[in-house]
Protein backbone atom coordinates (compact mmCIF):
# COMPACT_ATOMS: atom_id res chain seq x y z
CA MET A 1 -16.27 -25.26 108.98
CA ASN A 2 -17.46 -25.25 112.57
CA ILE A 3 -16.33 -22.82 115.14
CA THR A 4 -13.87 -25.27 116.83
CA ASP A 5 -12.18 -25.90 113.49
CA TYR A 6 -12.06 -22.17 112.79
CA ILE A 7 -10.52 -21.26 116.21
CA ILE A 8 -7.89 -23.98 115.87
CA LYS A 9 -6.94 -22.82 112.32
CA LYS A 10 -6.73 -19.10 113.47
CA PHE A 11 -4.57 -19.72 116.59
CA ASP A 12 -1.66 -21.73 115.39
CA GLY A 13 -3.45 -25.06 115.03
CA VAL A 14 -4.12 -25.46 118.82
CA LEU A 15 -7.07 -25.07 121.11
CA ILE A 16 -6.68 -25.67 124.92
CA ASP A 17 -9.65 -26.65 126.75
CA ASP A 18 -10.69 -26.08 130.36
CA TYR A 19 -8.98 -29.34 131.34
CA GLY A 20 -5.58 -28.43 129.78
CA TRP A 21 -6.01 -30.74 126.70
CA GLU A 22 -4.52 -29.31 123.56
CA HIS A 23 -6.60 -30.09 120.57
CA HIS A 24 -4.87 -30.31 117.27
CA LYS A 25 -6.28 -30.77 113.74
CA VAL A 26 -4.76 -32.24 110.59
CA ASP A 27 -5.77 -30.83 107.33
CA GLY A 28 -8.57 -32.63 105.48
CA LYS A 29 -9.47 -34.86 108.52
CA ASP A 30 -12.17 -34.48 111.19
CA TYR A 31 -10.29 -36.34 113.83
CA ASP A 32 -9.61 -34.68 117.18
CA ILE A 33 -6.04 -35.06 118.07
CA ARG A 34 -5.45 -34.25 121.83
CA PHE A 35 -2.38 -33.83 124.07
CA ASP A 36 -2.43 -33.73 127.95
CA ARG A 37 0.75 -31.79 129.13
CA SER A 38 0.18 -32.80 132.75
CA ARG A 39 0.52 -36.63 131.84
CA ILE A 40 2.37 -36.30 128.53
CA GLU A 41 -0.36 -38.35 126.88
CA TRP A 42 -1.62 -38.26 123.20
CA ALA A 43 -5.05 -39.41 121.84
CA CYS A 44 -6.82 -39.49 118.68
CA ASP A 45 -10.44 -40.33 117.55
CA CYS A 46 -9.33 -42.38 114.44
CA PRO A 47 -9.83 -46.19 114.17
CA ALA A 48 -6.03 -46.59 113.71
CA PHE A 49 -5.38 -45.13 117.22
CA ILE A 50 -8.22 -46.92 118.95
CA TYR A 51 -6.95 -50.44 117.58
CA ARG A 52 -3.16 -49.64 117.49
CA HIS A 53 -2.24 -52.14 120.24
CA ARG A 54 -3.27 -54.87 117.97
CA PHE A 55 -0.60 -53.85 115.43
CA GLY A 56 2.10 -53.00 118.08
CA LYS A 57 2.05 -49.36 117.45
CA LYS A 58 2.16 -46.62 119.90
CA TYR A 59 0.51 -43.69 117.93
CA CYS A 60 -1.37 -43.21 114.71
CA LYS A 61 -0.25 -41.17 111.68
CA HIS A 62 -2.19 -38.21 112.75
CA ILE A 63 -0.34 -37.82 116.06
CA ASN A 64 3.10 -38.38 114.33
CA GLU A 65 2.03 -35.59 111.76
CA VAL A 66 1.09 -33.20 114.62
CA GLN A 67 4.41 -34.12 116.44
CA ASP A 68 6.47 -33.47 113.34
CA ARG A 69 4.79 -30.17 112.60
CA ASN A 70 5.44 -28.96 116.16
CA LEU A 71 9.03 -30.18 115.89
CA ALA A 72 9.54 -28.31 112.66
CA GLN A 73 8.16 -25.07 114.18
CA ARG A 74 10.71 -25.36 117.06
CA SER A 75 13.61 -26.16 114.70
CA GLY A 76 15.70 -23.36 116.42
CA ARG A 77 15.19 -24.36 120.03
CA ALA A 78 15.99 -27.49 121.89
CA GLY A 79 13.21 -29.90 121.95
CA ALA A 80 12.30 -33.52 121.36
CA ARG A 81 9.61 -35.51 119.95
CA VAL A 82 7.66 -37.43 122.60
CA VAL A 83 7.72 -41.06 121.41
C-alpha cells in the first residue's frame, strides 16, 4: 500500500489535492477517481470511463460506487447524487 492509498483510507476515503480535486478509491482497484467541486466534474482512470461516450454512458461503475457510498453516508441530510 503506497502513502496516498494509506491517507485516503485513513481520512474517510478522500484526499484533497492542491487544486481542490477530491481523490477517492474503490476497494480492490488502483483507479484514481477524482471530483472537482468547482466545476462539479467527475473523472476516473479506468478504460470504461475513458471510452464511455462510445457506449452512451456518463460515468463508470467506480464513480457510481463512490457517489452511492457518499449518498449513504449523508442519509440523514438533504443531498442528491450528481448525475
